[in-house]
Amino acid sequence: GANAGIGLFFAFWSWVGFESSAMYGEESRNPKKIIP
């Protein structure tokens, strides 16, 4: 019953949150440079 898709799914889950950098744009210094 092993499925490689499960492994890939949890690999992607391990990154979830990297997009949160943009959330701190209003609170960061020089967001146009820092956030990207």
ModelCIF file with pLDDT and N, C-alpha, C, O atoms, coordinates in Angstrom:
data_MODEL
#
_entry.id   MODEL 
#
_entity.id                         1 
_entity.type                       polymer 
_entity.pdbx_number_of_molecules   1 
#
_entity_poly.entity_id                      1 
_entity_poly.type                           'polypeptide(L)' 
_entity_poly.nstd_linkage                   no 
_entity_poly.nstd_monomer                   no 
_entity_poly.pdbx_seq_one_letter_code       GANAGIGLFFAFWSWVGFESSAMYGEESRNPKKIIP 
_entity_poly.pdbx_seq_one_letter_code_can   GANAGIGLFFAFWSWVGFESSAMYGEESRNPKKIIP 
_entity_poly.pdbx_strand_id                 A 
#
loop_
_entity_poly_seq.entity_id 
_entity_poly_seq.num 
_entity_poly_seq.mon_id 
_entity_poly_seq.hetero 
1 1  GLY n 
1 2  ALA n 
1 3  ASN n 
1 4  ALA n 
1 5  GLY n 
1 6  ILE n 
1 7  GLY n 
1 8  LEU n 
1 9  PHE n 
1 10 PHE n 
1 11 ALA n 
1 12 PHE n 
1 13 TRP n 
1 14 SER n 
1 15 TRP n 
1 16 VAL n 
1 17 GLY n 
1 18 PHE n 
1 19 GLU n 
1 20 SER n 
1 21 SER n 
1 22 ALA n 
1 23 MET n 
1 24 TYR n 
1 25 GLY n 
1 26 GLU n 
1 27 GLU n 
1 28 SER n 
1 29 ARG n 
1 30 ASN n 
1 31 PRO n 
1 32 LYS n 
1 33 LYS n 
1 34 ILE n 
1 35 ILE n 
1 36 PRO n 
#
_struct_asym.id          A 
_struct_asym.entity_id   1 
#
loop_
_ma_qa_metric.id 
_ma_qa_metric.mode 
_ma_qa_metric.name 
_ma_qa_metric.software_group_id 
_ma_qa_metric.type 
1 global pLDDT . pLDDT 
2 local  pLDDT . pLDDT 
#
_ma_qa_metric_global.metric_id      1 
_ma_qa_metric_global.metric_value   79.25 
_ma_qa_metric_global.model_id       1 
_ma_qa_metric_global.ordinal_id     1 
#
loop_
_ma_qa_metric_local.label_asym_id 
_ma_qa_metric_local.label_comp_id 
_ma_qa_metric_local.label_seq_id 
_ma_qa_metric_local.metric_id 
_ma_qa_metric_local.metric_value 
_ma_qa_metric_local.model_id 
_ma_qa_metric_local.ordinal_id 
A GLY 1  2 89.00 1 1  
A ALA 2  2 92.00 1 2  
A ASN 3  2 94.00 1 3  
A ALA 4  2 94.00 1 4  
A GLY 5  2 92.00 1 5  
A ILE 6  2 91.00 1 6  
A GLY 7  2 93.00 1 7  
A LEU 8  2 93.00 1 8  
A PHE 9  2 89.00 1 9  
A PHE 10 2 90.00 1 10 
A ALA 11 2 92.00 1 11 
A PHE 12 2 89.00 1 12 
A TRP 13 2 83.00 1 13 
A SER 14 2 87.00 1 14 
A TRP 15 2 80.00 1 15 
A VAL 16 2 78.00 1 16 
A GLY 17 2 70.00 1 17 
A PHE 18 2 74.00 1 18 
A GLU 19 2 71.00 1 19 
A SER 20 2 68.00 1 20 
A SER 21 2 69.00 1 21 
A ALA 22 2 68.00 1 22 
A MET 23 2 66.00 1 23 
A TYR 24 2 66.00 1 24 
A GLY 25 2 62.00 1 25 
A GLU 26 2 65.00 1 26 
A GLU 27 2 64.00 1 27 
A SER 28 2 64.00 1 28 
A ARG 29 2 73.00 1 29 
A ASN 30 2 75.00 1 30 
A PRO 31 2 73.00 1 31 
A LYS 32 2 78.00 1 32 
A LYS 33 2 79.00 1 33 
A ILE 34 2 81.00 1 34 
A ILE 35 2 79.00 1 35 
A PRO 36 2 82.00 1 36 
#
loop_
_atom_site.group_PDB 
_atom_site.id 
_atom_site.type_symbol 
_atom_site.label_atom_id 
_atom_site.label_alt_id 
_atom_site.label_comp_id 
_atom_site.label_asym_id 
_atom_site.label_entity_id 
_atom_site.label_seq_id 
_atom_site.pdbx_PDB_ins_code 
_atom_site.Cartn_x 
_atom_site.Cartn_y 
_atom_site.Cartn_z 
_atom_site.occupancy 
_atom_site.B_iso_or_equiv 
_atom_site.pdbx_formal_charge 
_atom_site.auth_seq_id 
_atom_site.auth_comp_id 
_atom_site.auth_asym_id 
_atom_site.auth_atom_id 
_atom_site.pdbx_PDB_model_num 
ATOM 1   N N  . GLY A 1 1  ? 0.783  -1.232 0.000  1.00 89.00 ? 1  GLY A N  1 
ATOM 2   C CA . GLY A 1 1  ? 0.000  0.000  0.000  1.00 89.00 ? 1  GLY A CA 1 
ATOM 3   C C  . GLY A 1 1  ? 0.810  1.276  0.000  1.00 89.00 ? 1  GLY A C  1 
ATOM 4   O O  . GLY A 1 1  ? 0.243  2.368  0.011  1.00 89.00 ? 1  GLY A O  1 
ATOM 5   N N  . ALA A 1 2  ? 2.142  1.156  -0.013 1.00 92.00 ? 2  ALA A N  1 
ATOM 6   C CA . ALA A 1 2  ? 2.978  2.366  -0.030 1.00 92.00 ? 2  ALA A CA 1 
ATOM 7   C C  . ALA A 1 2  ? 2.739  3.133  -1.325 1.00 92.00 ? 2  ALA A C  1 
ATOM 8   O O  . ALA A 1 2  ? 2.561  2.535  -2.386 1.00 92.00 ? 2  ALA A O  1 
ATOM 9   N N  . ASN A 1 3  ? 2.737  4.455  -1.231 1.00 94.00 ? 3  ASN A N  1 
ATOM 10  C CA . ASN A 1 3  ? 2.471  5.306  -2.382 1.00 94.00 ? 3  ASN A CA 1 
ATOM 11  C C  . ASN A 1 3  ? 3.458  6.458  -2.385 1.00 94.00 ? 3  ASN A C  1 
ATOM 12  O O  . ASN A 1 3  ? 3.529  7.227  -1.427 1.00 94.00 ? 3  ASN A O  1 
ATOM 13  N N  . ALA A 1 4  ? 4.215  6.573  -3.457 1.00 94.00 ? 4  ALA A N  1 
ATOM 14  C CA . ALA A 1 4  ? 5.222  7.632  -3.537 1.00 94.00 ? 4  ALA A CA 1 
ATOM 15  C C  . ALA A 1 4  ? 4.588  9.013  -3.403 1.00 94.00 ? 4  ALA A C  1 
ATOM 16  O O  . ALA A 1 4  ? 5.239  9.957  -2.956 1.00 94.00 ? 4  ALA A O  1 
ATOM 17  N N  . GLY A 1 5  ? 3.312  9.131  -3.790 1.00 92.00 ? 5  GLY A N  1 
ATOM 18  C CA . GLY A 1 5  ? 2.620  10.406 -3.667 1.00 92.00 ? 5  GLY A CA 1 
ATOM 19  C C  . GLY A 1 5  ? 2.553  10.902 -2.233 1.00 92.00 ? 5  GLY A C  1 
ATOM 20  O O  . GLY A 1 5  ? 2.576  12.107 -1.979 1.00 92.00 ? 5  GLY A O  1 
ATOM 21  N N  . ILE A 1 6  ? 2.468  9.952  -1.289 1.00 91.00 ? 6  ILE A N  1 
ATOM 22  C CA . ILE A 1 6  ? 2.445  10.335 0.133  1.00 91.00 ? 6  ILE A CA 1 
ATOM 23  C C  . ILE A 1 6  ? 3.774  10.976 0.521  1.00 91.00 ? 6  ILE A C  1 
ATOM 24  O O  . ILE A 1 6  ? 3.808  11.981 1.231  1.00 91.00 ? 6  ILE A O  1 
ATOM 25  N N  . GLY A 1 7  ? 4.863  10.383 0.048  1.00 93.00 ? 7  GLY A N  1 
ATOM 26  C CA . GLY A 1 7  ? 6.179  10.932 0.343  1.00 93.00 ? 7  GLY A CA 1 
ATOM 27  C C  . GLY A 1 7  ? 6.336  12.336 -0.217 1.00 93.00 ? 7  GLY A C  1 
ATOM 28  O O  . GLY A 1 7  ? 6.850  13.227 0.459  1.00 93.00 ? 7  GLY A O  1 
ATOM 29  N N  . LEU A 1 8  ? 5.891  12.531 -1.457 1.00 93.00 ? 8  LEU A N  1 
ATOM 30  C CA . LEU A 1 8  ? 5.982  13.854 -2.077 1.00 93.00 ? 8  LEU A CA 1 
ATOM 31  C C  . LEU A 1 8  ? 5.078  14.849 -1.353 1.00 93.00 ? 8  LEU A C  1 
ATOM 32  O O  . LEU A 1 8  ? 5.439  16.012 -1.172 1.00 93.00 ? 8  LEU A O  1 
ATOM 33  N N  . PHE A 1 9  ? 3.906  14.382 -0.944 1.00 89.00 ? 9  PHE A N  1 
ATOM 34  C CA . PHE A 1 9  ? 2.963  15.260 -0.249 1.00 89.00 ? 9  PHE A CA 1 
ATOM 35  C C  . PHE A 1 9  ? 3.571  15.782 1.045  1.00 89.00 ? 9  PHE A C  1 
ATOM 36  O O  . PHE A 1 9  ? 3.477  16.973 1.343  1.00 89.00 ? 9  PHE A O  1 
ATOM 37  N N  . PHE A 1 10 ? 4.191  14.897 1.809  1.00 90.00 ? 10 PHE A N  1 
ATOM 38  C CA . PHE A 1 10 ? 4.770  15.332 3.074  1.00 90.00 ? 10 PHE A CA 1 
ATOM 39  C C  . PHE A 1 10 ? 6.068  16.114 2.868  1.00 90.00 ? 10 PHE A C  1 
ATOM 40  O O  . PHE A 1 10 ? 6.491  16.865 3.746  1.00 90.00 ? 10 PHE A O  1 
ATOM 41  N N  . ALA A 1 11 ? 6.689  15.937 1.715  1.00 92.00 ? 11 ALA A N  1 
ATOM 42  C CA . ALA A 1 11 ? 7.839  16.788 1.386  1.00 92.00 ? 11 ALA A CA 1 
ATOM 43  C C  . ALA A 1 11 ? 7.358  18.228 1.204  1.00 92.00 ? 11 ALA A C  1 
ATOM 44  O O  . ALA A 1 11 ? 7.956  19.161 1.739  1.00 92.00 ? 11 ALA A O  1 
ATOM 45  N N  . PHE A 1 12 ? 6.274  18.399 0.444  1.00 89.00 ? 12 PHE A N  1 
ATOM 46  C CA . PHE A 1 12 ? 5.726  19.742 0.248  1.00 89.00 ? 12 PHE A CA 1 
ATOM 47  C C  . PHE A 1 12 ? 5.214  20.332 1.558  1.00 89.00 ? 12 PHE A C  1 
ATOM 48  O O  . PHE A 1 12 ? 5.361  21.530 1.800  1.00 89.00 ? 12 PHE A O  1 
ATOM 49  N N  . TRP A 1 13 ? 4.615  19.496 2.402  1.00 83.00 ? 13 TRP A N  1 
ATOM 50  C CA . TRP A 1 13 ? 4.120  19.978 3.700  1.00 83.00 ? 13 TRP A CA 1 
ATOM 51  C C  . TRP A 1 13 ? 5.266  20.523 4.547  1.00 83.00 ? 13 TRP A C  1 
ATOM 52  O O  . TRP A 1 13 ? 5.071  21.438 5.347  1.00 83.00 ? 13 TRP A O  1 
ATOM 53  N N  . SER A 1 14 ? 6.451  19.964 4.373  1.00 87.00 ? 14 SER A N  1 
ATOM 54  C CA . SER A 1 14 ? 7.609  20.404 5.148  1.00 87.00 ? 14 SER A CA 1 
ATOM 55  C C  . SER A 1 14 ? 8.001  21.842 4.841  1.00 87.00 ? 14 SER A C  1 
ATOM 56  O O  . SER A 1 14 ? 8.705  22.478 5.625  1.00 87.00 ? 14 SER A O  1 
ATOM 57  N N  . TRP A 1 15 ? 7.543  22.360 3.692  1.00 80.00 ? 15 TRP A N  1 
ATOM 58  C CA . TRP A 1 15 ? 7.865  23.736 3.308  1.00 80.00 ? 15 TRP A CA 1 
ATOM 59  C C  . TRP A 1 15 ? 6.748  24.719 3.651  1.00 80.00 ? 15 TRP A C  1 
ATOM 60  O O  . TRP A 1 15 ? 6.970  25.929 3.684  1.00 80.00 ? 15 TRP A O  1 
ATOM 61  N N  . VAL A 1 16 ? 5.572  24.208 3.901  1.00 78.00 ? 16 VAL A N  1 
ATOM 62  C CA . VAL A 1 16 ? 4.427  25.106 4.075  1.00 78.00 ? 16 VAL A CA 1 
ATOM 63  C C  . VAL A 1 16 ? 4.751  26.172 5.113  1.00 78.00 ? 16 VAL A C  1 
ATOM 64  O O  . VAL A 1 16 ? 5.181  25.868 6.226  1.00 78.00 ? 16 VAL A O  1 
ATOM 65  N N  . GLY A 1 17 ? 4.537  27.420 4.728  1.00 70.00 ? 17 GLY A N  1 
ATOM 66  C CA . GLY A 1 17 ? 4.850  28.535 5.598  1.00 70.00 ? 17 GLY A CA 1 
ATOM 67  C C  . GLY A 1 17 ? 5.914  29.447 5.011  1.00 70.00 ? 17 GLY A C  1 
ATOM 68  O O  . GLY A 1 17 ? 6.056  30.589 5.448  1.00 70.00 ? 17 GLY A O  1 
ATOM 69  N N  . PHE A 1 18 ? 6.680  28.953 4.010  1.00 74.00 ? 18 PHE A N  1 
ATOM 70  C CA . PHE A 1 18 ? 7.716  29.809 3.427  1.00 74.00 ? 18 PHE A CA 1 
ATOM 71  C C  . PHE A 1 18 ? 7.086  31.049 2.795  1.00 74.00 ? 18 PHE A C  1 
ATOM 72  O O  . PHE A 1 18 ? 7.710  32.109 2.739  1.00 74.00 ? 18 PHE A O  1 
ATOM 73  N N  . GLU A 1 19 ? 5.842  30.912 2.318  1.00 71.00 ? 19 GLU A N  1 
ATOM 74  C CA . GLU A 1 19 ? 5.164  32.047 1.697  1.00 71.00 ? 19 GLU A CA 1 
ATOM 75  C C  . GLU A 1 19 ? 4.742  33.104 2.718  1.00 71.00 ? 19 GLU A C  1 
ATOM 76  O O  . GLU A 1 19 ? 4.311  34.198 2.354  1.00 71.00 ? 19 GLU A O  1 
ATOM 77  N N  . SER A 1 20 ? 4.873  32.756 4.012  1.00 68.00 ? 20 SER A N  1 
ATOM 78  C CA . SER A 1 20 ? 4.462  33.692 5.056  1.00 68.00 ? 20 SER A CA 1 
ATOM 79  C C  . SER A 1 20 ? 5.366  34.913 5.125  1.00 68.00 ? 20 SER A C  1 
ATOM 80  O O  . SER A 1 20 ? 5.023  35.891 5.789  1.00 68.00 ? 20 SER A O  1 
ATOM 81  N N  . SER A 1 21 ? 6.516  34.881 4.452  1.00 69.00 ? 21 SER A N  1 
ATOM 82  C CA . SER A 1 21 ? 7.417  36.036 4.470  1.00 69.00 ? 21 SER A CA 1 
ATOM 83  C C  . SER A 1 21 ? 6.694  37.304 4.028  1.00 69.00 ? 21 SER A C  1 
ATOM 84  O O  . SER A 1 21 ? 6.933  38.383 4.570  1.00 69.00 ? 21 SER A O  1 
ATOM 85  N N  . ALA A 1 22 ? 5.804  37.168 3.037  1.00 68.00 ? 22 ALA A N  1 
ATOM 86  C CA . ALA A 1 22 ? 5.096  38.343 2.514  1.00 68.00 ? 22 ALA A CA 1 
ATOM 87  C C  . ALA A 1 22 ? 4.139  38.946 3.537  1.00 68.00 ? 22 ALA A C  1 
ATOM 88  O O  . ALA A 1 22 ? 3.777  40.118 3.429  1.00 68.00 ? 22 ALA A O  1 
ATOM 89  N N  . MET A 1 23 ? 3.727  38.156 4.531  1.00 66.00 ? 23 MET A N  1 
ATOM 90  C CA . MET A 1 23 ? 2.791  38.662 5.538  1.00 66.00 ? 23 MET A CA 1 
ATOM 91  C C  . MET A 1 23 ? 3.408  39.755 6.402  1.00 66.00 ? 23 MET A C  1 
ATOM 92  O O  . MET A 1 23 ? 2.701  40.582 6.978  1.00 66.00 ? 23 MET A O  1 
ATOM 93  N N  . TYR A 1 24 ? 4.728  39.747 6.482  1.00 66.00 ? 24 TYR A N  1 
ATOM 94  C CA . TYR A 1 24 ? 5.400  40.693 7.365  1.00 66.00 ? 24 TYR A CA 1 
ATOM 95  C C  . TYR A 1 24 ? 5.863  41.942 6.630  1.00 66.00 ? 24 TYR A C  1 
ATOM 96  O O  . TYR A 1 24 ? 6.663  42.719 7.151  1.00 66.00 ? 24 TYR A O  1 
ATOM 97  N N  . GLY A 1 25 ? 5.350  42.132 5.399  1.00 62.00 ? 25 GLY A N  1 
ATOM 98  C CA . GLY A 1 25 ? 5.743  43.290 4.606  1.00 62.00 ? 25 GLY A CA 1 
ATOM 99  C C  . GLY A 1 25 ? 5.453  44.611 5.297  1.00 62.00 ? 25 GLY A C  1 
ATOM 100 O O  . GLY A 1 25 ? 6.291  45.512 5.290  1.00 62.00 ? 25 GLY A O  1 
ATOM 101 N N  . GLU A 1 26 ? 4.271  44.736 5.893  1.00 65.00 ? 26 GLU A N  1 
ATOM 102 C CA . GLU A 1 26 ? 3.894  45.990 6.549  1.00 65.00 ? 26 GLU A CA 1 
ATOM 103 C C  . GLU A 1 26 ? 4.727  46.262 7.793  1.00 65.00 ? 26 GLU A C  1 
ATOM 104 O O  . GLU A 1 26 ? 4.858  47.410 8.218  1.00 65.00 ? 26 GLU A O  1 
ATOM 105 N N  . GLU A 1 27 ? 5.294  45.203 8.379  1.00 64.00 ? 27 GLU A N  1 
ATOM 106 C CA . GLU A 1 27 ? 6.029  45.356 9.630  1.00 64.00 ? 27 GLU A CA 1 
ATOM 107 C C  . GLU A 1 27 ? 7.541  45.346 9.450  1.00 64.00 ? 27 GLU A C  1 
ATOM 108 O O  . GLU A 1 27 ? 8.281  45.542 10.414 1.00 64.00 ? 27 GLU A O  1 
ATOM 109 N N  . SER A 1 28 ? 8.007  45.119 8.220  1.00 64.00 ? 28 SER A N  1 
ATOM 110 C CA . SER A 1 28 ? 9.444  44.988 7.987  1.00 64.00 ? 28 SER A CA 1 
ATOM 111 C C  . SER A 1 28 ? 10.061 46.282 7.480  1.00 64.00 ? 28 SER A C  1 
ATOM 112 O O  . SER A 1 28 ? 9.371  47.176 6.990  1.00 64.00 ? 28 SER A O  1 
ATOM 113 N N  . ARG A 1 29 ? 11.365 46.354 7.611  1.00 73.00 ? 29 ARG A N  1 
ATOM 114 C CA . ARG A 1 29 ? 12.104 47.496 7.092  1.00 73.00 ? 29 ARG A CA 1 
ATOM 115 C C  . ARG A 1 29 ? 12.445 47.236 5.622  1.00 73.00 ? 29 ARG A C  1 
ATOM 116 O O  . ARG A 1 29 ? 12.934 46.160 5.279  1.00 73.00 ? 29 ARG A O  1 
ATOM 117 N N  . ASN A 1 30 ? 12.196 48.194 4.779  1.00 75.00 ? 30 ASN A N  1 
ATOM 118 C CA . ASN A 1 30 ? 12.476 48.063 3.355  1.00 75.00 ? 30 ASN A CA 1 
ATOM 119 C C  . ASN A 1 30 ? 11.889 46.765 2.776  1.00 75.00 ? 30 ASN A C  1 
ATOM 120 O O  . ASN A 1 30 ? 12.629 45.927 2.261  1.00 75.00 ? 30 ASN A O  1 
ATOM 121 N N  . PRO A 1 31 ? 10.557 46.600 2.860  1.00 73.00 ? 31 PRO A N  1 
ATOM 122 C CA . PRO A 1 31 ? 9.926  45.345 2.455  1.00 73.00 ? 31 PRO A CA 1 
ATOM 123 C C  . PRO A 1 31 ? 10.143 44.965 0.994  1.00 73.00 ? 31 PRO A C  1 
ATOM 124 O O  . PRO A 1 31 ? 10.172 43.778 0.669  1.00 73.00 ? 31 PRO A O  1 
ATOM 125 N N  . LYS A 1 32 ? 10.297 45.957 0.099  1.00 78.00 ? 32 LYS A N  1 
ATOM 126 C CA . LYS A 1 32 ? 10.491 45.645 -1.321 1.00 78.00 ? 32 LYS A CA 1 
ATOM 127 C C  . LYS A 1 32 ? 11.775 44.852 -1.556 1.00 78.00 ? 32 LYS A C  1 
ATOM 128 O O  . LYS A 1 32 ? 11.890 44.127 -2.544 1.00 78.00 ? 32 LYS A O  1 
ATOM 129 N N  . LYS A 1 33 ? 12.729 44.990 -0.655 1.00 79.00 ? 33 LYS A N  1 
ATOM 130 C CA . LYS A 1 33 ? 13.993 44.261 -0.764 1.00 79.00 ? 33 LYS A CA 1 
ATOM 131 C C  . LYS A 1 33 ? 14.018 43.055 0.158  1.00 79.00 ? 33 LYS A C  1 
ATOM 132 O O  . LYS A 1 33 ? 14.437 41.969 -0.243 1.00 79.00 ? 33 LYS A O  1 
ATOM 133 N N  . ILE A 1 34 ? 13.568 43.246 1.396  1.00 81.00 ? 34 ILE A N  1 
ATOM 134 C CA . ILE A 1 34 ? 13.676 42.203 2.415  1.00 81.00 ? 34 ILE A CA 1 
ATOM 135 C C  . ILE A 1 34 ? 12.798 40.992 2.103  1.00 81.00 ? 34 ILE A C  1 
ATOM 136 O O  . ILE A 1 34 ? 13.264 39.855 2.181  1.00 81.00 ? 34 ILE A O  1 
ATOM 137 N N  . ILE A 1 35 ? 11.541 41.226 1.754  1.00 79.00 ? 35 ILE A N  1 
ATOM 138 C CA . ILE A 1 35 ? 10.597 40.116 1.577  1.00 79.00 ? 35 ILE A CA 1 
ATOM 139 C C  . ILE A 1 35 ? 10.998 39.186 0.427  1.00 79.00 ? 35 ILE A C  1 
ATOM 140 O O  . ILE A 1 35 ? 11.025 37.972 0.628  1.00 79.00 ? 35 ILE A O  1 
ATOM 141 N N  . PRO A 1 36 ? 11.311 39.702 -0.773 1.00 82.00 ? 36 PRO A N  1 
ATOM 142 C CA . PRO A 1 36 ? 11.752 38.790 -1.845 1.00 82.00 ? 36 PRO A CA 1 
ATOM 143 C C  . PRO A 1 36 ? 13.012 38.004 -1.479 1.00 82.00 ? 36 PRO A C  1 
ATOM 144 O O  . PRO A 1 36 ? 13.495 37.204 -2.280 1.00 82.00 ? 36 PRO A O  1 
#
